[in-house]
C-alpha cells in the first residue's frame, strides 16, 4: 500500500506565497509522474502541475509563471511553490502519484488533500 501525505496548505493574502509538500511512502518499485491537482468550490478537479521522473514538467495555463513544481526522487517527495497567489487559486489541493508497486503493477494514488485559501 502506498500513502501520499500532504502538508503546507493554509490561509494567505492575495499576492502571497505558499509551499505544498507531498511525501510518498510504502511499497514502491518506481514512481512515474507526480503532481498536484486542485478542486475549487463548485468546480471539477483540474491539473495544476505534474513532473516526470526525469524532471519534465507541465503546468496549467492559469498557474504558469507563478507556480513551480519540483521533485526529489531519492526522498519520493514532490513540492509545489506557489507565488503571486490569487483568490482564484483557492481550492483543495491534491497530491497525485503514478506508482509501479511491482514491474507489472501500476496504480494511481491520491493524497487526502490540503486546503489553500487566498483571501484578504
Protein backbone atom coordinates (compact mmCIF):
# COMPACT_ATOMS: atom_id res chain seq x y z
CA UNK A 1 0.00 0.00 0.00
CA UNK A 2 1.22 3.45 -0.92
CA UNK A 3 0.37 6.59 1.03
CA UNK A 4 0.71 10.20 -0.02
CA UNK A 5 0.86 12.72 2.80
CA UNK A 6 0.49 16.40 2.01
CA UNK A 7 1.39 19.44 4.05
CA UNK A 8 1.71 23.17 3.69
CA UNK A 9 -1.76 24.48 2.95
CA UNK A 10 -3.33 27.41 4.75
CA UNK A 11 -4.65 30.94 4.50
CA UNK A 12 -2.68 33.57 2.63
CA UNK A 13 -3.38 37.06 1.36
CA UNK A 14 -3.51 37.80 -2.38
CA UNK A 15 -0.01 38.17 -3.75
CA UNK A 16 1.41 35.91 -1.07
CA UNK A 17 3.19 32.58 -1.31
CA UNK A 18 2.72 29.06 -0.03
CA UNK A 19 4.68 25.86 -0.47
CA UNK A 20 2.96 22.50 -0.60
CA UNK A 21 4.82 19.27 0.04
CA UNK A 22 3.88 15.66 -0.53
CA UNK A 23 5.73 12.55 0.59
CA UNK A 24 5.08 9.08 -0.79
CA UNK A 25 5.68 6.04 1.36
CA UNK A 26 5.03 2.32 1.17
CA UNK A 27 5.97 -0.48 -1.16
CA UNK A 28 7.05 1.10 -4.43
CA UNK A 29 9.04 -0.30 -7.32
CA UNK A 30 9.19 3.08 -9.03
CA UNK A 31 7.25 6.33 -9.29
CA UNK A 32 6.49 7.72 -12.71
CA UNK A 33 4.76 11.08 -12.70
CA UNK A 34 3.97 13.03 -9.54
CA UNK A 35 1.81 16.06 -9.50
CA UNK A 36 -0.74 18.38 -7.99
CA UNK A 37 -4.41 18.79 -8.81
CA UNK A 38 -6.98 21.06 -7.25
CA UNK A 39 -10.71 21.29 -6.80
CA UNK A 40 -12.26 24.69 -6.25
CA UNK A 41 -15.76 25.04 -4.74
CA UNK A 42 -18.37 24.13 -7.34
CA UNK A 43 -15.80 23.09 -9.91
CA UNK A 44 -14.28 19.87 -11.16
CA UNK A 45 -10.82 18.75 -10.17
CA UNK A 46 -8.17 20.13 -12.51
CA UNK A 47 -4.50 19.58 -13.12
CA UNK A 48 -2.17 22.19 -11.63
CA UNK A 49 1.27 20.79 -12.41
CA UNK A 50 2.99 17.46 -12.97
CA UNK A 51 6.61 16.33 -13.11
CA UNK A 52 8.01 13.13 -14.58
CA UNK A 53 10.74 11.02 -13.03
CA UNK A 54 13.20 12.61 -15.46
CA UNK A 55 12.17 16.12 -14.43
CA UNK A 56 9.94 17.18 -17.30
CA UNK A 57 7.14 19.46 -16.14
CA UNK A 58 3.73 20.53 -17.32
CA UNK A 59 1.60 23.34 -15.89
CA UNK A 60 -1.93 24.56 -16.22
CA UNK A 61 -2.01 27.82 -18.16
CA UNK A 62 -3.55 29.59 -15.17
CA UNK A 63 -0.50 28.96 -12.97
CA UNK A 64 2.37 29.25 -15.46
CA UNK A 65 4.96 31.72 -14.26
CA UNK A 66 3.60 31.70 -10.71
CA UNK A 67 3.86 28.08 -9.57
CA UNK A 68 6.89 25.82 -9.65
CA UNK A 69 6.80 22.06 -9.18
CA UNK A 70 9.86 20.18 -8.03
CA UNK A 71 10.66 16.61 -7.11
CA UNK A 72 13.20 14.70 -5.08
CA UNK A 73 13.37 11.15 -6.44
CA UNK A 74 15.60 9.95 -3.62
CA UNK A 75 13.08 11.05 -0.99
CA UNK A 76 9.93 10.32 -3.03
CA UNK A 77 8.68 13.84 -2.50
CA UNK A 78 7.09 16.47 -4.69
CA UNK A 79 6.71 20.14 -3.84
CA UNK A 80 4.67 22.98 -5.26
CA UNK A 81 5.93 26.50 -4.73
CA UNK A 82 3.05 28.89 -5.25
CA UNK A 83 3.80 32.59 -5.66
CA UNK A 84 1.64 35.58 -6.52
CA UNK A 85 -1.40 33.75 -5.26
CA UNK A 86 -4.80 34.93 -6.37
CA UNK A 87 -8.26 34.36 -4.86
CA UNK A 88 -8.97 32.13 -7.85
CA UNK A 89 -6.30 29.73 -6.56
CA UNK A 90 -8.47 28.92 -3.56
CA UNK A 91 -9.11 25.18 -3.63
CA UNK A 92 -8.33 21.86 -2.06
CA UNK A 93 -5.02 20.71 -3.50
CA UNK A 94 -4.36 17.01 -4.01
CA UNK A 95 -1.07 15.24 -4.48
CA UNK A 96 -1.03 12.54 -7.14
CA UNK A 97 1.45 9.81 -7.99
CA UNK A 98 1.61 7.20 -10.73
CA UNK A 99 3.32 4.28 -9.00
CA UNK A 100 4.61 0.90 -10.02
CA UNK A 101 4.31 -1.37 -6.99
CA UNK A 102 5.99 -4.14 -8.99
CA UNK A 103 7.32 -4.38 -12.56
CA UNK A 104 3.85 -5.39 -13.77
CA UNK A 105 1.56 -3.48 -11.37
CA UNK A 106 0.79 0.20 -11.80
CA UNK A 107 -1.63 2.32 -9.79
CA UNK A 108 -2.58 5.95 -9.32
CA UNK A 109 -2.63 7.22 -5.76
CA UNK A 110 -4.06 10.39 -4.25
CA UNK A 111 -3.36 12.29 -1.08
CA UNK A 112 -6.07 13.37 1.31
CA UNK A 113 -6.00 16.98 0.13
CA UNK A 114 -4.88 20.22 1.73
CA UNK A 115 -6.87 23.45 1.75
CA UNK A 116 -5.40 26.59 0.23
CA UNK A 117 -7.38 29.78 0.81
CA UNK A 118 -6.35 33.08 -0.75
CA UNK A 119 -8.23 35.93 0.83
CA UNK A 120 -7.69 39.35 2.34
